[in-house]
Amino acid sequence: MKVHFINVGQGDSILIETPLDRTILIDGGPPEAGDTLVNYIKERRINEIDLMIATHPDVDHIGGLVKVLDEIDVGGVLDIGKLHPTKTFAAYMNRIRDLQIPLTIAEKDTPIEIDPMISLDIWNAAQSLTSPNASSLVLKLNYEETDMLFMGDVGKKEEKEIQKKHDVDAELIKIGHHGSNTSTGMSFLEAVDPEIAILTYSKDNNYGHPVPRVIEHLYEINALIYSTAALDSITVETDGETLIVNPRMNPIQKFVEEQAG
């Protein structure tokens, strides 16, 4: 199984190639990342996305999906079903409607059946009277002995609820909300006890992501930290037992190129 954390700048996009060659795209970064995202997918000779998942309707998560819908065949869409008053959200929904792509509303504790060799479970979904971030999908991916947690943009309150209900132990975690101060509580991190932590953000962001506290907590639990800001896109390969992390660029190489530029 390959899981790609694609560098879409200040946003999220995760591409999963399952053991039986099914393809899942979770989020698509901001609108300006659309071309980058499509090129990344096509470079891997992927001609169809079997399932597109939008964790929540914020622009930095669905913006690039519009371009994907225009350029690549999409078999189905899983969405949280929350309306959002932006032109980007309207464009995204209109494309799905115009292309007549089947749309399913995500429900908490409902498994996503796409490849019998993996399990993909929804641990958080839309709730009434909550913000898009609090309604963000949290997904648990399992392949044999390997567990991965994708935290969307949820906050500490949702982390606590998930921790009460589930065994959150996982080898890899995509840190919630780009490492902002709203998420990644220490007790939750200790329970997950990840070997690998992935942070998705742009080093030029205006939000202060990631905050020092999150990085300090990750150091305290001895997680290996990988970020799209430092390493460009990151591919994690697993046979279900061991994990191999392949960043597109190493930090020293990136530093040298930036100095030369």
C-alpha atoms as a PDB file:
ATOM      1  CA  MET A   1       0.000   0.000   0.000  1.00  0.00           C
ATOM      2  CA  LYS A   2       1.203   3.505  -0.816  1.00  0.00           C
ATOM      3  CA  VAL A   3      -0.043   6.625   0.946  1.00  0.00           C
ATOM      4  CA  HIS A   4       1.010   9.956  -0.579  1.00  0.00           C
ATOM      5  CA  PHE A   5       0.847  13.159   1.452  1.00  0.00           C
ATOM      6  CA  ILE A   6       0.879  15.591  -1.459  1.00  0.00           C
ATOM      7  CA  ASN A   7       2.431  19.026  -1.078  1.00  0.00           C
ATOM      8  CA  VAL A   8      -0.476  21.343  -1.892  1.00  0.00           C
ATOM      9  CA  GLY A   9       0.907  24.286   0.097  1.00  0.00           C
ATOM     10  CA  GLN A  10      -1.310  25.394   2.977  1.00  0.00           C
ATOM     11  CA  GLY A  11      -3.832  22.576   2.824  1.00  0.00           C
ATOM     12  CA  ASP A  12      -4.371  18.819   2.862  1.00  0.00           C
ATOM     13  CA  SER A  13      -4.320  16.172   0.150  1.00  0.00           C
ATOM     14  CA  ILE A  14      -3.739  12.452   0.668  1.00  0.00           C
ATOM     15  CA  LEU A  15      -3.683   9.871  -2.130  1.00  0.00           C
ATOM     16  CA  ILE A  16      -3.981   6.190  -1.199  1.00  0.00           C
ATOM     17  CA  GLU A  17      -3.092   3.342  -3.551  1.00  0.00           C
ATOM     18  CA  THR A  18      -4.510   0.222  -1.921  1.00  0.00           C
ATOM     19  CA  PRO A  19      -2.956  -3.269  -2.156  1.00  0.00           C
ATOM     20  CA  LEU A  20      -5.482  -4.208  -4.882  1.00  0.00           C
ATOM     21  CA  ASP A  21      -4.792  -0.974  -6.816  1.00  0.00           C
ATOM     22  CA  ARG A  22      -7.880   0.948  -5.789  1.00  0.00           C
ATOM     23  CA  THR A  23      -7.329   4.700  -5.523  1.00  0.00           C
ATOM     24  CA  ILE A  24      -8.657   7.023  -2.832  1.00  0.00           C
ATOM     25  CA  LEU A  25      -8.095  10.791  -2.809  1.00  0.00           C
ATOM     26  CA  ILE A  26      -8.720  12.521   0.516  1.00  0.00           C
ATOM     27  CA  ASP A  27      -8.989  16.319   0.059  1.00  0.00           C
ATOM     28  CA  GLY A  28      -7.332  18.428  -2.613  1.00  0.00           C
ATOM     29  CA  GLY A  29      -5.723  21.484  -1.049  1.00  0.00           C
ATOM     30  CA  PRO A  30      -6.605  25.074  -2.101  1.00  0.00           C
ATOM     31  CA  PRO A  31      -7.784  26.000  -5.636  1.00  0.00           C
ATOM     32  CA  GLU A  32      -4.291  27.089  -6.724  1.00  0.00           C
ATOM     33  CA  ALA A  33      -3.006  23.567  -6.018  1.00  0.00           C
ATOM     34  CA  GLY A  34      -5.326  21.986  -8.591  1.00  0.00           C
ATOM     35  CA  ASP A  35      -2.748  21.698 -11.408  1.00  0.00           C
ATOM     36  CA  THR A  36      -0.072  20.396  -9.020  1.00  0.00           C
ATOM     37  CA  LEU A  37      -2.482  17.765  -7.724  1.00  0.00           C
ATOM     38  CA  VAL A  38      -3.607  16.590 -11.177  1.00  0.00           C
ATOM     39  CA  ASN A  39       0.005  16.405 -12.375  1.00  0.00           C
ATOM     40  CA  TYR A  40       1.018  14.396  -9.292  1.00  0.00           C
ATOM     41  CA  ILE A  41      -1.763  11.872  -9.916  1.00  0.00           C
ATOM     42  CA  LYS A  42      -1.055  11.585 -13.660  1.00  0.00           C
ATOM     43  CA  GLU A  43       2.697  11.195 -13.078  1.00  0.00           C
ATOM     44  CA  ARG A  44       1.834   7.993 -11.220  1.00  0.00           C
ATOM     45  CA  ARG A  45      -0.147   6.763 -14.237  1.00  0.00           C
ATOM     46  CA  ILE A  46      -3.365   6.854 -12.272  1.00  0.00           C
ATOM     47  CA  ASN A  47      -6.259   7.426 -14.677  1.00  0.00           C
ATOM     48  CA  GLU A  48      -9.149   7.099 -12.270  1.00  0.00           C
ATOM     49  CA  ILE A  49      -9.878   7.977  -8.659  1.00  0.00           C
ATOM     50  CA  ASP A  50     -12.192   5.265  -7.349  1.00  0.00           C
ATOM     51  CA  LEU A  51     -13.259   7.335  -4.348  1.00  0.00           C
ATOM     52  CA  MET A  52     -12.829  11.046  -3.669  1.00  0.00           C
ATOM     53  CA  ILE A  53     -13.280  12.027  -0.009  1.00  0.00           C
ATOM     54  CA  ALA A  54     -13.793  15.608   1.160  1.00  0.00           C
ATOM     55  CA  THR A  55     -13.155  15.721   4.919  1.00  0.00           C
ATOM     56  CA  HIS A  56     -14.921  19.089   5.215  1.00  0.00           C
ATOM     57  CA  PRO A  57     -15.788  22.010   2.922  1.00  0.00           C
ATOM     58  CA  ASP A  58     -13.022  24.492   3.817  1.00  0.00           C
ATOM     59  CA  VAL A  59     -11.314  25.923   0.732  1.00  0.00           C
ATOM     60  CA  ASP A  60      -7.879  24.548   1.680  1.00  0.00           C
ATOM     61  CA  HIS A  61      -9.322  21.023   1.561  1.00  0.00           C
ATOM     62  CA  ILE A  62     -11.709  21.030  -1.427  1.00  0.00           C
ATOM     63  CA  GLY A  63     -10.268  23.762  -3.673  1.00  0.00           C
ATOM     64  CA  GLY A  64      -8.015  21.514  -5.764  1.00  0.00           C
ATOM     65  CA  LEU A  65     -10.711  18.835  -6.103  1.00  0.00           C
ATOM     66  CA  VAL A  66     -12.519  20.948  -8.716  1.00  0.00           C
ATOM     67  CA  LYS A  67      -9.553  20.569 -11.095  1.00  0.00           C
ATOM     68  CA  VAL A  68      -9.343  16.835 -10.356  1.00  0.00           C
ATOM     69  CA  LEU A  69     -13.043  16.443 -11.226  1.00  0.00           C
ATOM     70  CA  ASP A  70     -12.386  18.288 -14.511  1.00  0.00           C
ATOM     71  CA  GLU A  71      -9.310  16.260 -15.510  1.00  0.00           C
ATOM     72  CA  ILE A  72      -9.606  12.754 -14.005  1.00  0.00           C
ATOM     73  CA  ASP A  73     -12.419  10.191 -13.907  1.00  0.00           C
ATOM     74  CA  VAL A  74     -13.884   9.924 -10.401  1.00  0.00           C
ATOM     75  CA  GLY A  75     -15.978   6.889  -9.477  1.00  0.00           C
ATOM     76  CA  GLY A  76     -17.683   8.299  -6.391  1.00  0.00           C
ATOM     77  CA  VAL A  77     -17.543  11.092  -3.803  1.00  0.00           C
ATOM     78  CA  LEU A  78     -17.849  10.854  -0.023  1.00  0.00           C
ATOM     79  CA  ASP A  79     -18.747  14.170   1.615  1.00  0.00           C
ATOM     80  CA  ILE A  80     -19.824  15.293   5.093  1.00  0.00           C
ATOM     81  CA  GLY A  81     -22.993  16.914   3.728  1.00  0.00           C
ATOM     82  CA  LYS A  82     -22.418  20.367   5.211  1.00  0.00           C
ATOM     83  CA  LEU A  83     -23.165  23.409   3.047  1.00  0.00           C
ATOM     84  CA  HIS A  84     -20.536  26.122   2.873  1.00  0.00           C
ATOM     85  CA  PRO A  85     -21.073  29.673   1.536  1.00  0.00           C
ATOM     86  CA  THR A  86     -18.064  29.896  -0.806  1.00  0.00           C
ATOM     87  CA  LYS A  87     -17.679  30.000  -4.594  1.00  0.00           C
ATOM     88  CA  THR A  88     -15.228  27.097  -4.302  1.00  0.00           C
ATOM     89  CA  PHE A  89     -17.795  24.902  -2.573  1.00  0.00           C
ATOM     90  CA  ALA A  90     -20.428  25.838  -5.181  1.00  0.00           C
ATOM     91  CA  ALA A  91     -18.008  24.947  -8.016  1.00  0.00           C
ATOM     92  CA  TYR A  92     -17.156  21.616  -6.341  1.00  0.00           C
ATOM     93  CA  MET A  93     -20.815  20.627  -5.874  1.00  0.00           C
ATOM     94  CA  ASN A  94     -21.789  21.782  -9.375  1.00  0.00           C
ATOM     95  CA  ARG A  95     -19.044  19.643 -10.962  1.00  0.00           C
ATOM     96  CA  ILE A  96     -20.203  16.566  -9.041  1.00  0.00           C
ATOM     97  CA  ARG A  97     -23.792  17.208 -10.166  1.00  0.00           C
ATOM     98  CA  ASP A  98     -22.898  17.991 -13.800  1.00  0.00           C
ATOM     99  CA  LEU A  99     -20.704  14.888 -14.098  1.00  0.00           C
ATOM    100  CA  GLN A 100     -23.391  12.789 -12.375  1.00  0.00           C
ATOM    101  CA  ILE A 101     -20.897  11.302  -9.937  1.00  0.00           C
ATOM    102  CA  PRO A 102     -22.517   9.276  -7.133  1.00  0.00           C
ATOM    103  CA  LEU A 103     -22.333  11.241  -3.853  1.00  0.00           C
ATOM    104  CA  THR A 104     -22.553   9.577  -0.443  1.00  0.00           C
ATOM    105  CA  ILE A 105     -22.904  11.406   2.877  1.00  0.00           C
ATOM    106  CA  ALA A 106     -20.377  10.091   5.403  1.00  0.00           C
ATOM    107  CA  GLU A 107     -21.707   8.595   8.625  1.00  0.00           C
ATOM    108  CA  LYS A 108     -19.718   8.061  11.799  1.00  0.00           C
ATOM    109  CA  ASP A 109     -18.733   4.464  12.602  1.00  0.00           C
ATOM    110  CA  THR A 110     -19.555   3.329   9.071  1.00  0.00           C
ATOM    111  CA  PRO A 111     -16.779   1.455   7.245  1.00  0.00           C
ATOM    112  CA  ILE A 112     -15.756   2.495   3.727  1.00  0.00           C
ATOM    113  CA  GLU A 113     -15.685  -0.684   1.656  1.00  0.00           C
ATOM    114  CA  ILE A 114     -13.310  -0.297  -1.255  1.00  0.00           C
ATOM    115  CA  ASP A 115     -10.619  -3.002  -0.963  1.00  0.00           C
ATOM    116  CA  PRO A 116     -11.063  -6.204   1.109  1.00  0.00           C
ATOM    117  CA  MET A 117      -7.379  -6.100   2.100  1.00  0.00           C
ATOM    118  CA  ILE A 118      -7.774  -2.847   4.050  1.00  0.00           C
ATOM    119  CA  SER A 119     -10.268  -1.343   6.455  1.00  0.00           C
ATOM    120  CA  LEU A 120     -11.114   2.352   6.357  1.00  0.00           C
ATOM    121  CA  ASP A 121     -13.346   3.588   9.168  1.00  0.00           C
ATOM    122  CA  ILE A 122     -14.988   6.951   9.840  1.00  0.00           C
ATOM    123  CA  TRP A 123     -14.400   8.032  13.441  1.00  0.00           C
ATOM    124  CA  ASN A 124     -15.776  11.578  13.192  1.00  0.00           C
ATOM    125  CA  ALA A 125     -18.340  13.050  10.822  1.00  0.00           C
ATOM    126  CA  ALA A 126     -20.715  16.003  10.532  1.00  0.00           C
ATOM    127  CA  GLN A 127     -22.719  17.015  13.553  1.00  0.00           C
ATOM    128  CA  SER A 128     -25.429  19.670  13.623  1.00  0.00           C
ATOM    129  CA  LEU A 129     -24.523  23.078  15.014  1.00  0.00           C
ATOM    130  CA  THR A 130     -20.781  22.455  14.799  1.00  0.00           C
ATOM    131  CA  SER A 131     -18.119  24.207  12.753  1.00  0.00           C
ATOM    132  CA  PRO A 132     -16.755  22.590   9.566  1.00  0.00           C
ATOM    133  CA  ASN A 133     -13.539  21.774  11.444  1.00  0.00           C
ATOM    134  CA  ALA A 134     -15.351  20.007  14.305  1.00  0.00           C
ATOM    135  CA  SER A 135     -17.379  18.096  11.688  1.00  0.00           C
ATOM    136  CA  SER A 136     -14.248  17.131   9.761  1.00  0.00           C
ATOM    137  CA  LEU A 137     -13.914  13.453   8.873  1.00  0.00           C
ATOM    138  CA  VAL A 138     -11.408  11.495  10.944  1.00  0.00           C
ATOM    139  CA  LEU A 139     -10.373   8.297   9.168  1.00  0.00           C
ATOM    140  CA  LYS A 140      -8.631   5.202  10.521  1.00  0.00           C
ATOM    141  CA  LEU A 141      -6.848   3.133   7.853  1.00  0.00           C
ATOM    142  CA  ASN A 142      -5.712  -0.391   8.665  1.00  0.00           C
ATOM    143  CA  TYR A 143      -3.656  -2.802   6.548  1.00  0.00           C
ATOM    144  CA  GLU A 144      -2.611  -5.958   8.406  1.00  0.00           C
ATOM    145  CA  GLU A 145      -0.389  -4.776  11.303  1.00  0.00           C
ATOM    146  CA  THR A 146      -0.272  -1.140  10.195  1.00  0.00           C
ATOM    147  CA  ASP A 147      -2.673   1.577  11.366  1.00  0.00           C
ATOM    148  CA  MET A 148      -2.826   5.159  10.127  1.00  0.00           C
ATOM    149  CA  LEU A 149      -4.926   7.995  11.537  1.00  0.00           C
ATOM    150  CA  PHE A 150      -5.966  10.938   9.370  1.00  0.00           C
ATOM    151  CA  MET A 151      -7.225  13.668  11.694  1.00  0.00           C
ATOM    152  CA  GLY A 152      -8.626  16.220   9.224  1.00  0.00           C
ATOM    153  CA  ASP A 153      -9.029  19.563  11.002  1.00  0.00           C
ATOM    154  CA  VAL A 154     -10.694  18.361  14.224  1.00  0.00           C
ATOM    155  CA  GLY A 155      -9.862  19.927  17.587  1.00  0.00           C
ATOM    156  CA  LYS A 156      -9.049  18.635  21.063  1.00  0.00           C
ATOM    157  CA  LYS A 157     -12.739  18.102  21.963  1.00  0.00           C
ATOM    158  CA  GLU A 158     -13.211  15.661  19.079  1.00  0.00           C
ATOM    159  CA  GLU A 159      -9.881  13.987  19.899  1.00  0.00           C
ATOM    160  CA  LYS A 160     -11.107  13.306  23.447  1.00  0.00           C
ATOM    161  CA  GLU A 161     -14.387  11.835  22.187  1.00  0.00           C
ATOM    162  CA  ILE A 162     -12.548   9.581  19.734  1.00  0.00           C
ATOM    163  CA  GLN A 163     -10.090   8.497  22.425  1.00  0.00           C
ATOM    164  CA  LYS A 164     -12.947   7.491  24.741  1.00  0.00           C
ATOM    165  CA  LYS A 165     -14.594   5.360  22.084  1.00  0.00           C
ATOM    166  CA  HIS A 166     -11.739   3.787  20.100  1.00  0.00           C
ATOM    167  CA  ASP A 167      -8.337   2.189  20.402  1.00  0.00           C
ATOM    168  CA  VAL A 168      -6.412   5.056  18.796  1.00  0.00           C
ATOM    169  CA  ASP A 169      -2.990   3.379  18.770  1.00  0.00           C
ATOM    170  CA  ALA A 170      -1.466   3.885  15.310  1.00  0.00           C
ATOM    171  CA  GLU A 171       1.922   3.733  13.624  1.00  0.00           C
ATOM    172  CA  LEU A 172       1.266   6.933  11.657  1.00  0.00           C
ATOM    173  CA  ILE A 173      -0.790  10.048  12.293  1.00  0.00           C
ATOM    174  CA  LYS A 174      -1.607  12.942   9.981  1.00  0.00           C
ATOM    175  CA  ILE A 175      -1.667  15.710  12.586  1.00  0.00           C
ATOM    176  CA  GLY A 176      -4.968  17.593  12.860  1.00  0.00           C
ATOM    177  CA  HIS A 177      -5.459  21.118  11.514  1.00  0.00           C
ATOM    178  CA  HIS A 178      -1.919  21.594  10.170  1.00  0.00           C
ATOM    179  CA  GLY A 179      -0.432  21.586  13.669  1.00  0.00           C
ATOM    180  CA  SER A 180      -2.520  24.511  14.911  1.00  0.00           C
ATOM    181  CA  ASN A 181      -3.126  25.284  18.581  1.00  0.00           C
ATOM    182  CA  THR A 182      -6.702  23.914  18.415  1.00  0.00           C
ATOM    183  CA  SER A 183      -5.696  20.255  18.186  1.00  0.00           C
ATOM    184  CA  THR A 184      -3.137  17.577  19.090  1.00  0.00           C
ATOM    185  CA  GLY A 185      -3.605  17.327  22.849  1.00  0.00           C
ATOM    186  CA  MET A 186      -0.838  15.533  24.726  1.00  0.00           C
ATOM    187  CA  SER A 187      -3.038  12.789  26.194  1.00  0.00           C
ATOM    188  CA  PHE A 188      -4.365  11.968  22.720  1.00  0.00           C
ATOM    189  CA  LEU A 189      -0.857  11.852  21.238  1.00  0.00           C
ATOM    190  CA  GLU A 190       0.352   9.596  24.046  1.00  0.00           C
ATOM    191  CA  ALA A 191      -2.551   7.220  23.377  1.00  0.00           C
ATOM    192  CA  VAL A 192      -1.836   7.136  19.622  1.00  0.00           C
ATOM    193  CA  ASP A 193       1.897   6.694  20.297  1.00  0.00           C
ATOM    194  CA  PRO A 194       2.831   7.077  16.612  1.00  0.00           C
ATOM    195  CA  GLU A 195       6.188   6.221  15.102  1.00  0.00           C
ATOM    196  CA  ILE A 196       5.579   8.758  12.330  1.00  0.00           C
ATOM    197  CA  ALA A 197       3.805  12.132  12.405  1.00  0.00           C
ATOM    198  CA  ILE A 198       2.957  13.946   9.167  1.00  0.00           C
ATOM    199  CA  LEU A 199       2.378  17.709   9.147  1.00  0.00           C
ATOM    200  CA  THR A 200       0.789  19.335   6.094  1.00  0.00           C
ATOM    201  CA  TYR A 201       1.334  23.077   5.780  1.00  0.00           C
ATOM    202  CA  SER A 202       3.158  25.792   3.845  1.00  0.00           C
ATOM    203  CA  LYS A 203       6.136  27.480   5.490  1.00  0.00           C
ATOM    204  CA  ASP A 204       4.724  30.807   4.228  1.00  0.00           C
ATOM    205  CA  ASN A 205       1.360  30.415   6.014  1.00  0.00           C
ATOM    206  CA  ASN A 206      -0.078  33.312   8.033  1.00  0.00           C
ATOM    207  CA  TYR A 207      -1.531  31.172  10.834  1.00  0.00           C
ATOM    208  CA  GLY A 208       1.639  30.251  12.718  1.00  0.00           C
ATOM    209  CA  HIS A 209       1.238  26.563  11.782  1.00  0.00           C
ATOM    210  CA  PRO A 210       2.593  24.439  13.311  1.00  0.00           C
ATOM    211  CA  VAL A 211       2.642  25.916  16.815  1.00  0.00           C
ATOM    212  CA  PRO A 212       5.705  25.099  18.978  1.00  0.00           C
ATOM    213  CA  ARG A 213       3.602  23.140  21.497  1.00  0.00           C
ATOM    214  CA  VAL A 214       2.633  20.532  18.881  1.00  0.00           C
ATOM    215  CA  ILE A 215       6.250  20.028  17.811  1.00  0.00           C
ATOM    216  CA  GLU A 216       7.389  19.770  21.433  1.00  0.00           C
ATOM    217  CA  HIS A 217       4.721  17.140  22.149  1.00  0.00           C
ATOM    218  CA  LEU A 218       5.808  15.113  19.131  1.00  0.00           C
ATOM    219  CA  TYR A 219       9.414  15.218  20.323  1.00  0.00           C
ATOM    220  CA  GLU A 220       8.309  14.127  23.803  1.00  0.00           C
ATOM    221  CA  ILE A 221       6.645  10.977  22.459  1.00  0.00           C
ATOM    222  CA  ASN A 222       9.645  10.273  20.169  1.00  0.00           C
ATOM    223  CA  ALA A 223       7.674  10.495  16.921  1.00  0.00           C
ATOM    224  CA  LEU A 224       9.574  11.038  13.692  1.00  0.00           C
ATOM    225  CA  ILE A 225       8.249  14.286  12.205  1.00  0.00           C
ATOM    226  CA  TYR A 226       7.827  14.746   8.456  1.00  0.00           C
ATOM    227  CA  SER A 227       6.314  17.895   6.940  1.00  0.00           C
ATOM    228  CA  THR A 228       5.323  18.800   3.402  1.00  0.00           C
ATOM    229  CA  ALA A 229       6.754  22.293   4.038  1.00  0.00           C
ATOM    230  CA  ALA A 230      10.267  20.910   4.553  1.00  0.00           C
ATOM    231  CA  LEU A 231      10.228  17.789   2.401  1.00  0.00           C
ATOM    232  CA  ASP A 232       7.715  18.425  -0.405  1.00  0.00           C
ATOM    233  CA  SER A 233       5.349  15.484  -1.045  1.00  0.00           C
ATOM    234  CA  ILE A 234       5.872  12.433   1.164  1.00  0.00           C
ATOM    235  CA  THR A 235       5.132   8.826   0.174  1.00  0.00           C
ATOM    236  CA  VAL A 236       4.739   6.141   2.821  1.00  0.00           C
ATOM    237  CA  GLU A 237       4.899   2.529   1.603  1.00  0.00           C
ATOM    238  CA  THR A 238       3.939  -0.470   3.703  1.00  0.00           C
ATOM    239  CA  ASP A 239       3.577  -4.215   3.249  1.00  0.00           C
ATOM    240  CA  GLY A 240       1.364  -4.212   6.330  1.00  0.00           C
ATOM    241  CA  GLU A 241       4.334  -4.838   8.621  1.00  0.00           C
ATOM    242  CA  THR A 242       7.019  -2.211   8.054  1.00  0.00           C
ATOM    243  CA  LEU A 243       6.793   1.412   6.945  1.00  0.00           C
ATOM    244  CA  ILE A 244       9.142   3.112   4.486  1.00  0.00           C
ATOM    245  CA  VAL A 245       8.972   6.906   4.229  1.00  0.00           C
ATOM    246  CA  ASN A 246      10.095   8.467   0.945  1.00  0.00           C
ATOM    247  CA  PRO A 247      10.067  12.280   0.911  1.00  0.00           C
ATOM    248  CA  ARG A 248      10.310  13.837  -2.536  1.00  0.00           C
ATOM    249  CA  MET A 249      13.105  16.068  -1.296  1.00  0.00           C
ATOM    250  CA  ASN A 250      15.475  15.966   1.660  1.00  0.00           C
ATOM    251  CA  PRO A 251      15.718  19.160   3.757  1.00  0.00           C
ATOM    252  CA  ILE A 252      19.372  19.877   2.907  1.00  0.00           C
ATOM    253  CA  GLN A 253      18.706  19.543  -0.818  1.00  0.00           C
ATOM    254  CA  LYS A 254      15.741  21.919  -0.492  1.00  0.00           C
ATOM    255  CA  PHE A 255      17.827  24.425   1.477  1.00  0.00           C
ATOM    256  CA  VAL A 256      20.577  24.344  -1.191  1.00  0.00           C
ATOM    257  CA  GLU A 257      18.037  24.905  -3.978  1.00  0.00           C
ATOM    258  CA  GLU A 258      16.416  27.796  -2.112  1.00  0.00           C
ATOM    259  CA  GLN A 259      19.799  29.443  -1.578  1.00  0.00           C
ATOM    260  CA  ALA A 260      20.646  29.002  -5.282  1.00  0.00           C
ATOM    261  CA  GLY A 261      17.250  30.398  -6.289  1.00  0.00           C
END
